[in-house]
Each structure stands twice: as C-alpha cells, then as structure tokens.
Amino acid sequence: MKKNFISNSKESIRMFKNPLFEGLSKVPYFVPLIVYVPVVGYFSWESFSKNGILGFLGHFLLGLFIWTLTEYVLHRFIFHFYPKSDWGKRIHFIFHGVHHDYPNDAQRLVMPPSASIPLALAFFFLFKWILAPGMLDGFFTGFIFGYLCYDMTHYMLHHAQFKSAFWKKLKQQHMLHHYDDSTTKYGVTSDIWDKVFGTR
C-alpha cells in the first residue's frame, strides 16, 4: 500500500487563513461533553417520563445500536471518500484528511460543535420523520450517547495508555487503520461492522 504523509508532531497545522474559521476547527476533547451531556439528560428524562424504564431502555439501546452502524458508514463512505476535484480534496482534508496526516494533533480529534450540531439536528429531524413519536426521545438519547462514546474513545485511543486487553486491542485496531492500511478497520468503538462487512 502506498504510504501517505503522516506527521508525528503534536502541533496543529494551520488550515484556514481566517482566524475565526481556524479557531472553530480546533476543539478541546471535553467540549462535546459540555454540549451533549445536557442533551442526553433532557431526552432521557422525556423518554423515561413517557415510556417508563423498560420503554426508555429499549429505545435507548436501539438508538445506540444504530449509532454503531452510523459510525461505520460515516467513517468508511463519507470520511474516506476521495474526491477528484480540487475543492473536493480541500473539503475532504478539512473533514478527515488532516486527522490522518496529523494523527497526534489533540485539538482535531473530536468533532467541533460547528460540524456536530448541524449533523445532530439533521439526524434528529430524520428520526422524527421516520420514528413513532413515543420512540424518538429514547432513540435519540442512545444515538447521541453513542456519538459521545465515539468521540471520547477516539481521543483516548490516540492519547491514553491502556492496561486492559480490551482497550489495547481497540487501540491496536485504530492504529493499524492509521499507520498500516486506512482502507480497513473503520470501526472506532468496536469492530462489529468491520466483521460484518469484511473490512477487518
């Protein structure tokens, strides 16, 4: 496999001349928690109030399961789609290419709210259109909780040292995606869909 450029520097490369855009492209790892933990709390309460504990748990687990598939599909088919046009290549670099070129850049490891909030709103209205009203709150809670797990796991895989065999295996899988073959191992929080779709 042709090896792409990979910097081991922990520094951030500048992506935008505009200082506002540049600032919006960087985010500390804890920002998604500040933004989305209240969202998870609100929709959890709404679901629990309407459906009770068992109804909430059922809808939550379904949303979490759908997140795992969404994580895989986004990473494989969106983040690793390689356009041919110059502007397309630029967009790809901004969204995911910079992370593969500078994997140790701690400020570009979680999705900035400027990107995640519009995506979350789009998914919310999609689910509102598809799902029965009673399911929406619990399902969306599980989906957003899954996203938070993805962002925090992704940060830790790049910057934490693990003793547990489970986390070591997860880290090894993600590092192989970065340093060996970026056309495999798209799962970040698990390898379940890599097994299903043969990209392990």
Protein backbone atom coordinates (compact mmCIF):
# COMPACT_ATOMS: atom_id res chain seq x y z
CA MET A 1 0.00 0.00 0.00
CA LYS A 2 1.25 3.47 -0.82
CA LYS A 3 2.12 5.27 2.41
CA ASN A 4 0.57 8.70 2.78
CA PHE A 5 2.17 11.60 4.61
CA ILE A 6 1.94 11.19 8.38
CA SER A 7 3.41 13.66 10.86
CA ASN A 8 4.18 12.54 14.40
CA SER A 9 4.15 16.15 15.59
CA LYS A 10 1.65 17.06 18.31
CA GLU A 11 1.35 20.56 16.87
CA SER A 12 -1.68 21.76 14.91
CA ILE A 13 -1.24 22.67 11.26
CA ARG A 14 -3.00 25.85 10.18
CA MET A 15 -5.93 25.08 7.86
CA PHE A 16 -7.59 28.48 7.40
CA LYS A 17 -6.25 31.99 6.83
CA ASN A 18 -9.34 33.38 8.57
CA PRO A 19 -8.66 33.29 12.36
CA LEU A 20 -12.35 32.66 13.17
CA PHE A 21 -12.53 29.59 10.91
CA GLU A 22 -9.18 28.40 12.22
CA GLY A 23 -10.40 28.70 15.80
CA LEU A 24 -13.62 26.83 15.00
CA SER A 25 -11.61 23.95 13.52
CA LYS A 26 -9.95 23.21 16.89
CA VAL A 27 -11.69 21.94 19.97
CA PRO A 28 -10.59 20.50 23.35
CA TYR A 29 -11.71 16.91 23.90
CA PHE A 30 -14.20 17.82 26.66
CA VAL A 31 -16.30 20.26 24.59
CA PRO A 32 -18.65 17.56 23.17
CA LEU A 33 -19.40 16.54 26.77
CA ILE A 34 -20.37 20.11 27.68
CA VAL A 35 -22.60 20.38 24.60
CA TYR A 36 -24.25 16.94 24.55
CA VAL A 37 -24.48 15.63 28.13
CA PRO A 38 -27.37 18.08 28.79
CA VAL A 39 -29.00 16.88 25.54
CA VAL A 40 -28.69 13.26 26.69
CA GLY A 41 -30.11 14.21 30.10
CA TYR A 42 -33.08 16.09 28.64
CA PHE A 43 -34.13 13.41 26.14
CA SER A 44 -33.55 10.64 28.70
CA TRP A 45 -35.96 12.32 31.09
CA GLU A 46 -38.52 12.93 28.35
CA SER A 47 -38.39 9.29 27.26
CA PHE A 48 -38.48 7.92 30.81
CA SER A 49 -41.47 10.14 31.66
CA LYS A 50 -43.45 8.92 28.64
CA ASN A 51 -42.40 5.26 28.40
CA GLY A 52 -41.12 4.13 31.80
CA ILE A 53 -37.76 2.49 32.42
CA LEU A 54 -38.22 -0.52 30.12
CA GLY A 55 -39.51 1.55 27.22
CA PHE A 56 -36.69 4.02 27.66
CA LEU A 57 -34.04 1.27 27.77
CA GLY A 58 -35.43 -0.45 24.68
CA HIS A 59 -35.44 2.74 22.62
CA PHE A 60 -32.04 3.79 24.03
CA LEU A 61 -30.39 0.50 23.10
CA LEU A 62 -31.88 0.63 19.60
CA GLY A 63 -30.52 4.17 19.12
CA LEU A 64 -27.11 3.09 20.42
CA PHE A 65 -27.08 0.13 18.02
CA ILE A 66 -27.97 2.36 15.06
CA TRP A 67 -25.19 4.74 16.10
CA THR A 68 -22.61 1.93 15.77
CA LEU A 69 -23.69 1.37 12.17
CA THR A 70 -23.78 5.12 11.50
CA GLU A 71 -20.24 5.47 12.89
CA TYR A 72 -19.01 2.79 10.49
CA VAL A 73 -20.87 4.17 7.44
CA LEU A 74 -19.75 7.76 8.06
CA HIS A 75 -16.14 6.75 8.57
CA ARG A 76 -15.95 4.38 5.61
CA PHE A 77 -18.06 6.09 2.96
CA ILE A 78 -18.01 9.80 3.92
CA PHE A 79 -14.73 10.44 5.73
CA HIS A 80 -12.82 8.11 3.39
CA PHE A 81 -14.44 9.22 0.15
CA TYR A 82 -11.68 10.63 -2.03
CA PRO A 83 -12.98 13.26 -4.49
CA LYS A 84 -11.06 14.15 -7.64
CA SER A 85 -11.79 17.88 -7.84
CA ASP A 86 -9.50 20.36 -6.09
CA TRP A 87 -12.31 21.81 -3.98
CA GLY A 88 -13.48 18.30 -3.09
CA LYS A 89 -9.97 17.38 -1.95
CA ARG A 90 -9.91 20.52 0.16
CA ILE A 91 -13.22 19.65 1.83
CA HIS A 92 -12.00 16.09 2.45
CA PHE A 93 -8.79 17.36 4.03
CA ILE A 94 -10.73 19.69 6.34
CA PHE A 95 -13.14 16.97 7.47
CA HIS A 96 -10.84 13.97 7.84
CA GLY A 97 -7.64 14.17 5.82
CA VAL A 98 -5.95 16.47 8.33
CA HIS A 99 -6.52 13.86 11.04
CA HIS A 100 -4.76 11.17 9.01
CA ASP A 101 -1.87 13.49 8.17
CA TYR A 102 -1.56 14.75 11.77
CA PRO A 103 -2.98 11.97 13.98
CA ASN A 104 -1.35 13.30 17.17
CA ASP A 105 -2.98 16.73 16.93
CA ALA A 106 -5.06 16.70 20.12
CA GLN A 107 -7.12 19.72 19.04
CA ARG A 108 -8.57 17.97 16.00
CA LEU A 109 -9.56 14.60 17.46
CA VAL A 110 -13.18 15.28 18.38
CA MET A 111 -15.76 16.82 16.10
CA PRO A 112 -16.14 20.58 16.61
CA PRO A 113 -19.65 21.79 17.51
CA SER A 114 -19.69 23.84 14.31
CA ALA A 115 -19.93 20.48 12.49
CA SER A 116 -21.55 18.19 15.08
CA ILE A 117 -24.53 20.41 15.96
CA PRO A 118 -25.82 20.70 12.35
CA LEU A 119 -25.31 16.93 11.93
CA ALA A 120 -27.14 16.20 15.19
CA LEU A 121 -30.05 18.41 14.13
CA ALA A 122 -30.20 16.71 10.73
CA PHE A 123 -30.31 13.27 12.34
CA PHE A 124 -32.91 14.43 14.89
CA PHE A 125 -35.31 15.61 12.18
CA LEU A 126 -34.64 12.48 10.12
CA PHE A 127 -35.52 10.29 13.11
CA LYS A 128 -38.55 12.46 13.90
CA TRP A 129 -39.79 11.82 10.36
CA ILE A 130 -39.11 8.06 10.49
CA LEU A 131 -39.90 7.01 14.05
CA ALA A 132 -43.09 6.80 16.04
CA PRO A 133 -43.37 9.84 18.37
CA GLY A 134 -43.02 7.73 21.52
CA MET A 135 -39.72 6.26 20.33
CA LEU A 136 -37.93 9.45 19.34
CA ASP A 137 -36.67 10.69 22.72
CA GLY A 138 -35.13 7.41 23.89
CA PHE A 139 -33.76 6.53 20.46
CA PHE A 140 -32.11 9.94 20.06
CA THR A 141 -30.65 9.65 23.57
CA GLY A 142 -28.97 6.35 22.65
CA PHE A 143 -27.76 7.74 19.33
CA ILE A 144 -26.18 10.85 20.88
CA PHE A 145 -24.75 8.81 23.76
CA GLY A 146 -23.12 6.57 21.15
CA TYR A 147 -21.66 9.62 19.44
CA LEU A 148 -20.19 10.84 22.75
CA CYS A 149 -18.66 7.41 23.36
CA TYR A 150 -17.17 7.54 19.87
CA ASP A 151 -15.61 10.98 20.35
CA MET A 152 -14.20 10.20 23.82
CA THR A 153 -12.94 6.77 22.71
CA HIS A 154 -11.29 8.26 19.65
CA TYR A 155 -9.46 10.81 21.79
CA MET A 156 -8.30 8.16 24.26
CA LEU A 157 -7.11 5.78 21.54
CA HIS A 158 -4.71 8.48 20.38
CA HIS A 159 -3.60 9.87 23.74
CA ALA A 160 -4.13 7.31 26.53
CA GLN A 161 -2.08 4.30 27.58
CA PHE A 162 -4.10 1.20 28.45
CA LYS A 163 -3.50 -1.87 30.62
CA SER A 164 -6.77 -3.66 29.82
CA ALA A 165 -6.67 -6.19 26.97
CA PHE A 166 -9.94 -4.85 25.55
CA TRP A 167 -8.66 -1.27 25.23
CA LYS A 168 -5.25 -2.40 23.97
CA LYS A 169 -6.95 -4.36 21.20
CA LEU A 170 -9.17 -1.40 20.30
CA LYS A 171 -6.16 0.91 20.21
CA GLN A 172 -4.16 -1.52 18.07
CA GLN A 173 -7.03 -1.77 15.58
CA HIS A 174 -7.27 2.02 15.25
CA MET A 175 -3.51 2.49 14.98
CA LEU A 176 -3.42 -0.09 12.17
CA HIS A 177 -6.10 1.94 10.39
CA HIS A 178 -3.84 5.00 10.66
CA TYR A 179 -0.37 3.55 10.13
CA ASP A 180 -0.88 0.40 8.08
CA ASP A 181 -3.98 0.39 5.88
CA SER A 182 -6.62 3.14 6.01
CA THR A 183 -8.97 1.07 3.80
CA THR A 184 -9.67 -1.31 6.70
CA LYS A 185 -10.71 -1.16 10.36
CA TYR A 186 -13.23 1.68 10.14
CA GLY A 187 -14.86 0.91 13.48
CA VAL A 188 -13.56 3.07 16.31
CA THR A 189 -15.66 1.99 19.30
CA SER A 190 -15.92 -1.63 18.11
CA ASP A 191 -15.05 -3.86 15.17
CA ILE A 192 -18.52 -5.43 14.85
CA TRP A 193 -19.34 -3.84 11.48
CA ASP A 194 -15.82 -4.46 10.15
CA LYS A 195 -16.52 -8.14 10.78
CA VAL A 196 -19.95 -7.95 9.15
CA PHE A 197 -18.73 -6.12 6.02
CA GLY A 198 -15.33 -7.80 5.71
CA THR A 199 -13.14 -4.74 6.34
CA ARG A 200 -11.43 -6.09 9.42
